[in-house]
Amino acid sequence: MHKKNEDHEEHNEDYADRDEIAESMNENISEDNSEKSIESEVIIEPIDMNNLSQNESKSKKHTANKIKDMIKKKDEEIGDLKDQLLRRRAEFDNFRRRMETEKIEFVKYALDKSLMDLLPIIDSFDRAMHPDNESEETKHVYEGFSLIYKQLMDFLNKQGVTEINALGQVFDPNYHQAVSKELVEGTESGLVVKEYQKGYVFHKRVLRPSMVVVSE
């Protein structure tokens, strides 16, 4: 009886071992299936080389267009700066020329006031050389005055002072100052028939107009 029990227990132990082995195998199979399931879910998509090449081409084209736009914008800015520089240079050149002209004009007419003060002296010489009554005694004196007057006028001519030609000319208010009108037979109207005081021009500027009588 005791031996049967032992046999029965050994038999049960064999079954238990078989169950453990079967369970272990099932677990291994389950793990393999799980790994296969995960592998099947993770699908590596193939790389489309044509699509990749197109994307790279588009990206390069976009970058190139962007660079072209930047270069165009910079060229426009440089062009604007060049135009501004040219305008500033032209303005400066005009300013420099104007200043040089004003300087030349200032130097040219710097003697204007002094020459104006000298004109009455010239008038006195002119009257002294044309006396109302000339005699032999005063003739040599007038000749001396005439020589001094000529030297003075030569000096003034070198400075740019010239007489205004008035007698017989058409009256010009820019050069003549009419003090009266006179009816002269055989003379058309508007002509200078007498000159009371000589006028002078300093370069192109009237230093003093001629005081004249105009025919009616």
Protein backbone atom coordinates (compact mmCIF):
# COMPACT_ATOMS: atom_id res chain seq x y z
CA MET A 1 0.00 0.00 0.00
CA HIS A 2 2.77 2.30 0.90
CA LYS A 3 4.47 1.56 -2.40
CA LYS A 4 1.35 2.42 -4.39
CA ASN A 5 1.20 5.76 -2.72
CA GLU A 6 4.79 6.48 -3.64
CA ASP A 7 4.14 5.50 -7.23
CA HIS A 8 1.13 7.73 -7.27
CA GLU A 9 3.10 10.71 -5.95
CA GLU A 10 5.89 10.18 -8.49
CA HIS A 11 3.27 10.03 -11.15
CA ASN A 12 1.80 13.36 -9.99
CA GLU A 13 5.22 14.95 -9.90
CA ASP A 14 5.76 13.88 -13.51
CA TYR A 15 2.53 15.58 -14.50
CA ALA A 16 3.51 18.70 -12.62
CA ASP A 17 6.85 18.85 -14.41
CA ARG A 18 5.13 18.39 -17.74
CA ASP A 19 2.72 21.25 -16.93
CA GLU A 20 5.57 23.58 -16.00
CA ILE A 21 7.41 22.70 -19.20
CA ALA A 22 4.25 23.27 -21.27
CA GLU A 23 3.57 26.59 -19.53
CA SER A 24 7.17 27.72 -20.13
CA MET A 25 6.90 26.82 -23.79
CA ASN A 26 3.62 28.73 -24.06
CA GLU A 27 5.25 31.78 -22.49
CA ASN A 28 8.14 31.61 -24.96
CA ILE A 29 5.75 31.24 -27.84
CA SER A 30 3.72 34.23 -26.54
CA GLU A 31 6.85 36.37 -26.26
CA ASP A 32 7.92 35.41 -29.82
CA ASN A 33 4.50 36.27 -31.14
CA SER A 34 4.56 39.60 -29.29
CA GLU A 35 7.95 40.49 -30.77
CA LYS A 36 6.75 39.51 -34.22
CA SER A 37 3.63 41.64 -33.72
CA ILE A 38 5.75 44.68 -32.76
CA GLU A 39 8.05 44.10 -35.72
CA SER A 40 5.05 43.88 -38.02
CA GLU A 41 3.66 47.15 -36.64
CA VAL A 42 6.98 49.02 -37.13
CA ILE A 43 7.06 49.37 -40.89
CA ILE A 44 10.02 51.23 -42.37
CA GLU A 45 8.75 53.16 -45.32
CA PRO A 46 11.07 53.19 -48.33
CA ILE A 47 12.78 56.56 -49.15
CA ASP A 48 11.53 58.20 -52.34
CA MET A 49 14.75 59.55 -53.85
CA ASN A 50 12.91 61.44 -56.61
CA ASN A 51 10.74 63.26 -54.07
CA LEU A 52 13.79 64.04 -51.96
CA SER A 53 15.62 65.41 -54.97
CA GLN A 54 12.62 67.59 -55.91
CA ASN A 55 12.40 68.99 -52.39
CA GLU A 56 16.09 69.83 -52.40
CA SER A 57 15.73 71.48 -55.80
CA LYS A 58 12.77 73.56 -54.58
CA SER A 59 14.69 74.57 -51.47
CA LYS A 60 17.74 75.62 -53.51
CA LYS A 61 15.54 77.54 -55.94
CA HIS A 62 13.79 79.34 -53.09
CA THR A 63 17.13 80.24 -51.54
CA ALA A 64 18.48 81.46 -54.88
CA ASN A 65 15.40 83.64 -55.47
CA LYS A 66 15.71 85.06 -51.98
CA ILE A 67 19.37 85.91 -52.58
CA LYS A 68 18.49 87.52 -55.92
CA ASP A 69 15.85 89.67 -54.24
CA MET A 70 18.34 90.72 -51.57
CA ILE A 71 20.95 91.61 -54.21
CA LYS A 72 18.36 93.56 -56.21
CA LYS A 73 17.31 95.49 -53.11
CA LYS A 74 20.92 96.28 -52.25
CA ASP A 75 21.61 97.38 -55.84
CA GLU A 76 18.62 99.74 -55.64
CA GLU A 77 19.88 101.14 -52.34
CA ILE A 78 23.36 101.61 -53.83
CA GLY A 79 21.82 103.33 -56.86
CA ASP A 80 19.86 105.70 -54.61
CA LEU A 81 23.00 106.50 -52.62
CA LYS A 82 24.93 107.18 -55.84
CA ASP A 83 22.17 109.54 -57.02
CA GLN A 84 22.23 111.36 -53.70
CA LEU A 85 26.01 111.60 -53.85
CA LEU A 86 25.89 113.00 -57.39
CA ARG A 87 23.24 115.54 -56.40
CA ARG A 88 25.24 116.60 -53.34
CA ARG A 89 28.38 116.88 -55.46
CA ALA A 90 26.55 118.96 -58.07
CA GLU A 91 25.13 121.21 -55.34
CA PHE A 92 28.58 121.60 -53.83
CA ASP A 93 30.10 122.40 -57.24
CA ASN A 94 27.41 125.01 -57.86
CA PHE A 95 27.98 126.47 -54.41
CA ARG A 96 31.75 126.55 -54.97
CA ARG A 97 31.35 128.24 -58.37
CA ARG A 98 28.90 130.73 -56.91
CA MET A 99 31.30 131.55 -54.08
CA GLU A 100 34.17 131.95 -56.55
CA THR A 101 32.03 134.23 -58.72
CA GLU A 102 31.00 136.29 -55.71
CA LYS A 103 34.62 136.49 -54.63
CA ILE A 104 35.70 137.65 -58.08
CA GLU A 105 32.84 140.16 -58.18
CA PHE A 106 33.76 141.41 -54.72
CA VAL A 107 37.40 141.87 -55.71
CA LYS A 108 36.41 143.40 -59.04
CA TYR A 109 34.09 145.97 -57.48
CA ALA A 110 36.03 146.50 -54.26
CA LEU A 111 37.16 149.91 -55.66
CA ASP A 112 33.60 150.94 -56.41
CA LYS A 113 33.30 153.39 -53.49
CA SER A 114 36.80 154.81 -53.98
CA LEU A 115 36.16 155.39 -57.68
CA MET A 116 32.89 157.13 -56.90
CA ASP A 117 34.77 159.50 -54.62
CA LEU A 118 37.30 160.10 -57.42
CA LEU A 119 34.71 161.15 -60.01
CA PRO A 120 34.21 164.72 -58.71
CA ILE A 121 37.96 165.29 -59.08
CA ILE A 122 37.75 164.09 -62.68
CA ASP A 123 34.82 166.47 -63.24
CA SER A 124 36.92 169.35 -61.93
CA PHE A 125 39.75 168.48 -64.30
CA ASP A 126 37.27 168.24 -67.18
CA ARG A 127 35.83 171.69 -66.48
CA ALA A 128 39.33 173.16 -66.04
CA MET A 129 40.30 171.96 -69.51
CA HIS A 130 37.27 173.64 -71.10
CA PRO A 131 37.21 177.18 -69.76
CA ASP A 132 34.73 179.75 -70.98
CA ASN A 133 37.49 182.22 -71.90
CA GLU A 134 40.84 180.81 -72.95
CA SER A 135 43.86 183.14 -73.25
CA GLU A 136 47.46 182.67 -74.21
CA GLU A 137 48.48 183.04 -70.60
CA THR A 138 46.35 180.14 -69.42
CA LYS A 139 46.93 177.92 -72.48
CA HIS A 140 50.02 176.22 -70.98
CA VAL A 141 48.17 175.65 -67.71
CA TYR A 142 45.34 173.89 -69.56
CA GLU A 143 47.85 171.79 -71.43
CA GLY A 144 49.32 170.69 -68.09
CA PHE A 145 45.83 169.87 -66.78
CA SER A 146 45.13 167.93 -69.99
CA LEU A 147 48.25 165.81 -69.48
CA ILE A 148 47.34 165.04 -65.88
CA TYR A 149 43.74 164.27 -66.90
CA LYS A 150 44.91 161.87 -69.61
CA GLN A 151 47.18 160.03 -67.14
CA LEU A 152 44.32 159.79 -64.67
CA MET A 153 41.90 158.44 -67.28
CA ASP A 154 44.50 155.92 -68.48
CA PHE A 155 44.78 154.67 -64.90
CA LEU A 156 40.99 154.42 -64.57
CA ASN A 157 40.74 152.58 -67.89
CA LYS A 158 43.22 150.01 -66.63
CA GLN A 159 41.00 149.53 -63.57
CA GLY A 160 37.99 148.92 -65.82
CA VAL A 161 36.43 152.38 -65.77
CA THR A 162 35.20 153.77 -69.10
CA GLU A 163 33.15 156.82 -70.12
CA ILE A 164 29.54 156.44 -71.20
CA ASN A 165 29.08 157.69 -74.75
CA ALA A 166 25.95 159.82 -74.46
CA LEU A 167 25.84 162.68 -77.01
CA GLY A 168 23.81 161.81 -80.10
CA GLN A 169 22.72 158.47 -78.64
CA VAL A 170 19.17 157.29 -78.08
CA PHE A 171 18.19 157.97 -74.49
CA ASP A 172 18.73 154.86 -72.36
CA PRO A 173 17.55 155.08 -68.74
CA ASN A 174 20.07 152.41 -67.81
CA TYR A 175 22.96 154.74 -68.71
CA HIS A 176 21.44 158.21 -68.90
CA GLN A 177 19.76 160.47 -66.38
CA ALA A 178 17.55 163.05 -68.09
CA VAL A 179 17.47 166.42 -66.33
CA SER A 180 15.37 168.19 -68.95
CA LYS A 181 13.93 168.06 -72.46
CA GLU A 182 14.64 170.45 -75.28
CA LEU A 183 13.12 171.00 -78.70
CA VAL A 184 15.88 170.94 -81.29
CA GLU A 185 15.06 171.49 -84.95
CA GLY A 186 16.18 168.76 -87.29
CA THR A 187 16.63 166.31 -84.41
CA GLU A 188 14.30 163.41 -83.83
CA SER A 189 12.76 162.90 -80.45
CA GLY A 190 14.46 160.87 -77.77
CA LEU A 191 18.08 161.69 -78.57
CA VAL A 192 20.64 163.04 -76.13
CA VAL A 193 21.46 166.57 -77.27
CA LYS A 194 23.45 167.85 -74.30
CA GLU A 195 25.55 166.34 -71.54
CA TYR A 196 25.88 168.18 -68.25
CA GLN A 197 27.92 165.54 -66.45
CA LYS A 198 29.78 162.55 -67.83
CA GLY A 199 28.78 159.05 -66.81
CA TYR A 200 31.08 156.13 -66.18
CA VAL A 201 30.88 152.34 -66.27
CA PHE A 202 32.97 150.16 -63.97
CA HIS A 203 33.38 146.88 -65.87
CA LYS A 204 29.70 146.13 -66.63
CA ARG A 205 28.24 148.07 -63.72
CA VAL A 206 27.13 151.68 -64.11
CA LEU A 207 29.27 153.69 -61.73
CA ARG A 208 27.37 156.89 -62.47
CA PRO A 209 24.82 157.65 -65.24
CA SER A 210 25.31 160.58 -67.57
CA MET A 211 23.25 163.70 -66.76
CA VAL A 212 21.78 164.68 -70.11
CA VAL A 213 19.21 166.75 -71.96
CA VAL A 214 16.87 164.81 -74.26
CA SER A 215 15.29 166.13 -77.45
CA GLU A 216 11.52 166.36 -77.63
